[in-house]
Every structure is written in structure tokens, then in C-alpha cells.
Amino acid sequence: MIYTLSKKIYYGAETTKSLKSFRIDKIRLPVIKALALFRQACAMVNSQFGLDQHISNAIVQVCNEILKEGLNDQFPLSAFQPGSGIHANMNINEIIANRAMEIADGMEVGVGV
């Protein structure tokens, strides 16, 4: 199945598929912020071990946007997804990757498969 996504969103096809599973409640903001802080720290540390500084800066910028609650509408998933947080982690990874590409390279995002 092919999922086509609006250009107004940064999450990808995996998040879109997960939306069909559960619609009980949304992921709480403190959880989203904790995930963003973790990814921000990883980008900063990995820039000291070979991650391109341009990419690291873009990831850090996206994480700052998330921490300032500027991308709240990009987290549509339920807090009650099954498993060990795979869906929430996938959601934030898609958002960070797509928004960072936009920042770093000026690439348009929004089409997922």
C-alpha cells in the first residue's frame, strides 16, 4: 500500500500507518520533549565523532523547535501504542529527519511510501 502525505507534515508513512492502530490519546508533551532532548544530545556528541557539523546543527535546530513546542501538531500518535515505544520513536525520527533535511538542504518533504 502507498501512503501519500501532505506537504504540511513532517512525519512519514510509518507514523501514518500507526495512526490506524490506536486513537485513544496523544503522546504527552513531556515524553515528546524527553525524546527530543535525547536526540539533540546524540547529535551533539556524534558531531564530535564524525557526524557532519551541518547535519548535527540541523538536528539540534529541529530538536529546539520541538522543545519550544513549535511542532506539536506533528505528533498525532496515541500514547497507548503497543510495544516498547517503537511508534513514538519512529514518529519523532521521521519528523527530525524530514525537518532537518529541509533546514540543511532546502529539500521539500511530505511524500512517504
N, C-alpha and C. Protein backbone atom coordinates (compact mmCIF):
# COMPACT_ATOMS: atom_id res chain seq x y z
N MET A 1 0.84 -1.17 0.00
CA MET A 1 0.00 0.00 0.00
C MET A 1 0.89 1.25 0.00
N ILE A 2 0.53 2.25 -0.75
CA ILE A 2 1.29 3.50 -0.83
C ILE A 2 0.54 4.56 -0.04
N TYR A 3 1.28 5.27 0.81
CA TYR A 3 0.72 6.36 1.59
C TYR A 3 1.28 7.67 1.05
N THR A 4 0.41 8.57 0.63
CA THR A 4 0.83 9.88 0.17
C THR A 4 0.53 10.87 1.28
N LEU A 5 1.50 11.67 1.60
CA LEU A 5 1.38 12.58 2.73
C LEU A 5 1.36 14.03 2.28
N SER A 6 0.66 14.84 3.03
CA SER A 6 0.58 16.26 2.76
C SER A 6 1.94 16.91 2.98
N LYS A 7 2.23 17.97 2.24
CA LYS A 7 3.49 18.70 2.43
C LYS A 7 3.49 19.51 3.72
N LYS A 8 2.37 19.56 4.42
CA LYS A 8 2.29 20.33 5.65
C LYS A 8 2.71 19.51 6.86
N ILE A 9 3.11 18.27 6.66
CA ILE A 9 3.52 17.44 7.78
C ILE A 9 4.94 16.94 7.58
N TYR A 10 5.60 16.69 8.70
CA TYR A 10 6.98 16.20 8.66
C TYR A 10 7.07 14.72 8.99
N TYR A 11 6.04 14.16 9.63
CA TYR A 11 6.13 12.73 9.90
C TYR A 11 5.90 11.96 8.61
N GLY A 12 6.28 10.70 8.61
CA GLY A 12 6.27 9.92 7.39
C GLY A 12 5.23 8.81 7.37
N ALA A 13 5.44 7.88 6.45
CA ALA A 13 4.49 6.81 6.21
C ALA A 13 4.32 5.89 7.41
N GLU A 14 5.39 5.64 8.15
CA GLU A 14 5.28 4.74 9.30
C GLU A 14 4.37 5.33 10.37
N THR A 15 4.46 6.62 10.60
CA THR A 15 3.56 7.27 11.55
C THR A 15 2.14 7.22 11.03
N THR A 16 1.95 7.47 9.74
CA THR A 16 0.63 7.42 9.14
C THR A 16 0.01 6.04 9.31
N LYS A 17 0.79 4.99 9.09
CA LYS A 17 0.28 3.63 9.28
C LYS A 17 -0.08 3.39 10.74
N SER A 18 0.74 3.89 11.65
CA SER A 18 0.49 3.69 13.08
C SER A 18 -0.78 4.38 13.55
N LEU A 19 -1.16 5.46 12.88
CA LEU A 19 -2.37 6.19 13.25
C LEU A 19 -3.61 5.31 13.13
N LYS A 20 -3.56 4.33 12.27
CA LYS A 20 -4.71 3.45 12.06
C LYS A 20 -4.88 2.45 13.19
N SER A 21 -3.86 2.25 14.02
CA SER A 21 -3.90 1.24 15.07
C SER A 21 -4.71 1.69 16.29
N PHE A 22 -4.34 2.83 16.87
CA PHE A 22 -4.96 3.30 18.11
C PHE A 22 -5.18 4.80 18.04
N ARG A 23 -6.34 5.24 18.51
CA ARG A 23 -6.65 6.67 18.58
C ARG A 23 -7.25 6.99 19.95
N ILE A 24 -6.57 6.59 21.01
CA ILE A 24 -7.10 6.75 22.36
C ILE A 24 -6.73 8.11 22.94
N ASP A 25 -5.49 8.44 22.86
CA ASP A 25 -4.97 9.66 23.47
C ASP A 25 -3.68 10.01 22.75
N LYS A 26 -3.21 11.23 22.91
CA LYS A 26 -1.95 11.62 22.27
C LYS A 26 -0.78 11.41 23.22
N ILE A 27 0.41 11.29 22.62
CA ILE A 27 1.62 11.19 23.41
C ILE A 27 1.77 12.47 24.22
N ARG A 28 2.08 12.35 25.46
CA ARG A 28 2.20 13.51 26.35
C ARG A 28 3.43 14.35 25.99
N LEU A 29 3.29 15.65 26.14
CA LEU A 29 4.36 16.59 25.81
C LEU A 29 5.67 16.30 26.53
N PRO A 30 5.67 15.95 27.82
CA PRO A 30 6.95 15.64 28.47
C PRO A 30 7.68 14.45 27.82
N VAL A 31 6.94 13.48 27.32
CA VAL A 31 7.56 12.35 26.63
C VAL A 31 8.19 12.81 25.33
N ILE A 32 7.48 13.62 24.58
CA ILE A 32 7.99 14.16 23.31
C ILE A 32 9.26 14.97 23.57
N LYS A 33 9.22 15.81 24.60
CA LYS A 33 10.39 16.64 24.91
C LYS A 33 11.58 15.78 25.35
N ALA A 34 11.32 14.73 26.10
CA ALA A 34 12.41 13.83 26.53
C ALA A 34 13.05 13.15 25.32
N LEU A 35 12.23 12.71 24.37
CA LEU A 35 12.76 12.08 23.16
C LEU A 35 13.58 13.09 22.35
N ALA A 36 13.11 14.33 22.28
CA ALA A 36 13.83 15.38 21.55
C ALA A 36 15.16 15.70 22.23
N LEU A 37 15.16 15.80 23.55
CA LEU A 37 16.40 16.07 24.29
C LEU A 37 17.44 14.98 24.05
N PHE A 38 16.98 13.74 24.06
CA PHE A 38 17.87 12.61 23.83
C PHE A 38 18.49 12.69 22.43
N ARG A 39 17.67 12.95 21.42
CA ARG A 39 18.19 13.04 20.05
C ARG A 39 19.11 14.25 19.87
N GLN A 40 18.78 15.34 20.54
CA GLN A 40 19.63 16.53 20.48
C GLN A 40 21.01 16.23 21.07
N ALA A 41 21.03 15.58 22.22
CA ALA A 41 22.30 15.22 22.86
C ALA A 41 23.10 14.27 21.98
N CYS A 42 22.42 13.31 21.37
CA CYS A 42 23.11 12.36 20.47
C CYS A 42 23.74 13.08 19.28
N ALA A 43 23.01 14.03 18.70
CA ALA A 43 23.55 14.78 17.56
C ALA A 43 24.78 15.58 17.97
N MET A 44 24.72 16.19 19.14
CA MET A 44 25.85 17.00 19.61
C MET A 44 27.08 16.13 19.88
N VAL A 45 26.88 15.00 20.53
CA VAL A 45 28.00 14.11 20.83
C VAL A 45 28.55 13.50 19.55
N ASN A 46 27.66 13.04 18.67
CA ASN A 46 28.13 12.40 17.44
C ASN A 46 28.84 13.37 16.50
N SER A 47 28.58 14.66 16.64
CA SER A 47 29.32 15.63 15.83
C SER A 47 30.80 15.66 16.22
N GLN A 48 31.09 15.23 17.44
CA GLN A 48 32.48 15.15 17.90
C GLN A 48 33.16 13.87 17.44
N PHE A 49 32.37 12.96 16.89
CA PHE A 49 32.90 11.66 16.46
C PHE A 49 32.62 11.38 14.99
N GLY A 50 32.49 12.44 14.19
CA GLY A 50 32.42 12.25 12.76
C GLY A 50 31.13 12.65 12.07
N LEU A 51 30.05 12.88 12.81
CA LEU A 51 28.83 13.34 12.16
C LEU A 51 29.07 14.74 11.61
N ASP A 52 28.73 14.95 10.37
CA ASP A 52 28.91 16.24 9.72
C ASP A 52 28.27 17.34 10.57
N GLN A 53 29.00 18.43 10.81
CA GLN A 53 28.52 19.52 11.65
C GLN A 53 27.25 20.16 11.10
N HIS A 54 27.14 20.24 9.78
CA HIS A 54 25.95 20.81 9.14
C HIS A 54 24.71 19.97 9.48
N ILE A 55 24.86 18.67 9.44
CA ILE A 55 23.76 17.76 9.77
C ILE A 55 23.44 17.85 11.26
N SER A 56 24.47 17.83 12.08
CA SER A 56 24.28 17.94 13.53
C SER A 56 23.54 19.22 13.88
N ASN A 57 23.95 20.33 13.30
CA ASN A 57 23.30 21.62 13.57
C ASN A 57 21.83 21.59 13.18
N ALA A 58 21.52 20.96 12.05
CA ALA A 58 20.12 20.88 11.60
C ALA A 58 19.29 20.05 12.58
N ILE A 59 19.84 18.94 13.05
CA ILE A 59 19.14 18.09 14.01
C ILE A 59 18.92 18.85 15.32
N VAL A 60 19.95 19.52 15.80
CA VAL A 60 19.83 20.30 17.03
C VAL A 60 18.77 21.38 16.88
N GLN A 61 18.72 22.04 15.72
CA GLN A 61 17.72 23.08 15.48
C GLN A 61 16.31 22.50 15.52
N VAL A 62 16.11 21.35 14.89
CA VAL A 62 14.78 20.71 14.91
C VAL A 62 14.40 20.36 16.35
N CYS A 63 15.32 19.80 17.09
CA CYS A 63 15.04 19.44 18.48
C CYS A 63 14.68 20.67 19.30
N ASN A 64 15.34 21.79 19.04
CA ASN A 64 14.98 23.04 19.72
C ASN A 64 13.56 23.47 19.35
N GLU A 65 13.18 23.30 18.08
CA GLU A 65 11.82 23.63 17.66
C GLU A 65 10.81 22.75 18.41
N ILE A 66 11.13 21.47 18.55
CA ILE A 66 10.25 20.56 19.28
C ILE A 66 10.17 20.96 20.74
N LEU A 67 11.31 21.27 21.35
CA LEU A 67 11.34 21.65 22.77
C LEU A 67 10.58 22.95 23.03
N LYS A 68 10.54 23.84 22.04
CA LYS A 68 9.79 25.09 22.17
C LYS A 68 8.34 24.92 21.75
N GLU A 69 7.95 23.66 21.53
CA GLU A 69 6.58 23.28 21.18
C GLU A 69 6.13 23.85 19.84
N GLY A 70 7.07 24.05 18.94
CA GLY A 70 6.74 24.58 17.63
C GLY A 70 6.26 23.54 16.63
N LEU A 71 6.38 22.27 16.96
CA LEU A 71 5.97 21.21 16.04
C LEU A 71 4.97 20.26 16.69
N ASN A 72 4.24 20.72 17.68
CA ASN A 72 3.31 19.85 18.41
C ASN A 72 2.31 19.14 17.51
N ASP A 73 1.88 19.80 16.45
CA ASP A 73 0.89 19.19 15.56
C ASP A 73 1.45 18.02 14.76
N GLN A 74 2.74 17.79 14.85
CA GLN A 74 3.37 16.71 14.11
C GLN A 74 3.41 15.40 14.91
N PHE A 75 2.83 15.39 16.09
CA PHE A 75 2.84 14.21 16.96
C PHE A 75 1.41 13.72 17.18
N PRO A 76 0.85 13.04 16.19
CA PRO A 76 -0.55 12.63 16.27
C PRO A 76 -0.79 11.27 16.93
N LEU A 77 0.27 10.55 17.26
CA LEU A 77 0.10 9.17 17.70
C LEU A 77 -0.43 9.06 19.12
N SER A 78 -1.03 7.92 19.37
CA SER A 78 -1.58 7.59 20.67
C SER A 78 -0.48 7.29 21.67
N ALA A 79 -0.75 7.61 22.91
CA ALA A 79 0.18 7.27 23.98
C ALA A 79 0.13 5.78 24.28
N PHE A 80 -0.88 5.09 23.76
CA PHE A 80 -1.10 3.69 24.07
C PHE A 80 -0.81 2.77 22.90
N GLN A 81 0.23 3.06 22.15
CA GLN A 81 0.66 2.17 21.08
C GLN A 81 1.27 0.93 21.72
N PRO A 82 1.13 -0.23 21.08
CA PRO A 82 1.72 -1.44 21.65
C PRO A 82 3.24 -1.45 21.52
N GLY A 83 3.88 -2.30 22.30
CA GLY A 83 5.32 -2.45 22.18
C GLY A 83 6.09 -1.56 23.13
N SER A 84 7.32 -1.31 22.76
CA SER A 84 8.23 -0.59 23.66
C SER A 84 8.50 0.83 23.19
N GLY A 85 7.50 1.50 22.69
CA GLY A 85 7.67 2.87 22.24
C GLY A 85 8.16 3.00 20.82
N ILE A 86 8.05 1.92 20.05
CA ILE A 86 8.54 1.93 18.67
C ILE A 86 7.85 3.01 17.86
N HIS A 87 6.53 3.13 18.00
CA HIS A 87 5.78 4.09 17.19
C HIS A 87 6.15 5.53 17.53
N ALA A 88 6.29 5.83 18.82
CA ALA A 88 6.66 7.18 19.23
C ALA A 88 8.06 7.52 18.76
N ASN A 89 8.98 6.57 18.87
CA ASN A 89 10.35 6.80 18.41
C ASN A 89 10.40 6.98 16.90
N MET A 90 9.62 6.19 16.18
CA MET A 90 9.58 6.31 14.73
C MET A 90 9.01 7.67 14.33
N ASN A 91 7.96 8.10 15.02
CA ASN A 91 7.33 9.38 14.75
C ASN A 91 8.33 10.53 14.89
N ILE A 92 9.04 10.58 16.01
CA ILE A 92 9.98 11.68 16.22
C ILE A 92 11.16 11.58 15.26
N ASN A 93 11.60 10.36 14.95
CA ASN A 93 12.71 10.21 13.99
C ASN A 93 12.32 10.73 12.61
N GLU A 94 11.09 10.42 12.17
CA GLU A 94 10.64 10.92 10.86
C GLU A 94 10.57 12.44 10.85
N ILE A 95 10.05 13.01 11.91
CA ILE A 95 9.93 14.47 11.99
C ILE A 95 11.31 15.12 11.97
N ILE A 96 12.21 14.62 12.80
CA ILE A 96 13.56 15.19 12.85
C ILE A 96 14.25 15.04 11.51
N ALA A 97 14.17 13.87 10.90
CA ALA A 97 14.85 13.64 9.62
C ALA A 97 14.31 14.54 8.53
N ASN A 98 12.99 14.61 8.40
CA ASN A 98 12.41 15.41 7.33
C ASN A 98 12.60 16.90 7.53
N ARG A 99 12.44 17.37 8.76
CA ARG A 99 12.64 18.81 9.03
C ARG A 99 14.12 19.17 8.91
N ALA A 100 15.01 18.28 9.36
CA ALA A 100 16.45 18.55 9.25
C ALA A 100 16.88 18.61 7.79
N MET A 101 16.32 17.74 6.94
CA MET A 101 16.63 17.82 5.50
C MET A 101 16.20 19.15 4.93
N GLU A 102 15.04 19.62 5.36
CA GLU A 102 14.53 20.90 4.90
C GLU A 102 15.47 22.03 5.33
N ILE A 103 15.93 21.99 6.56
CA ILE A 103 16.83 23.02 7.09
C ILE A 103 18.20 22.94 6.41
N ALA A 104 18.76 21.75 6.36
CA ALA A 104 20.13 21.58 5.87
C ALA A 104 20.26 21.72 4.36
N ASP A 105 19.29 21.19 3.65
CA ASP A 105 19.42 21.12 2.20
C ASP A 105 18.35 21.87 1.43
N GLY A 106 17.36 22.39 2.12
CA GLY A 106 16.27 23.06 1.44
C GLY A 106 15.39 22.10 0.66
N MET A 107 15.47 20.80 1.00
CA MET A 107 14.68 19.80 0.29
C MET A 107 13.22 19.87 0.73
N GLU A 108 12.31 19.69 -0.22
CA GLU A 108 10.90 19.61 0.12
C GLU A 108 10.62 18.24 0.69
N VAL A 109 9.74 18.20 1.66
CA VAL A 109 9.37 16.92 2.26
C VAL A 109 7.86 16.74 2.15
N GLY A 110 7.43 15.53 2.47
CA GLY A 110 6.00 15.30 2.53
C GLY A 110 5.50 14.11 1.76
N VAL A 111 6.35 13.45 1.01
CA VAL A 111 5.89 12.27 0.27
C VAL A 111 6.52 11.05 0.91
N GLY A 112 5.69 10.20 1.45
CA GLY A 112 6.16 8.98 2.08
C GLY A 112 5.67 7.76 1.34
N VAL A 113 6.36 6.66 1.50
CA VAL A 113 5.96 5.40 0.87
C VAL A 113 5.73 4.39 1.97
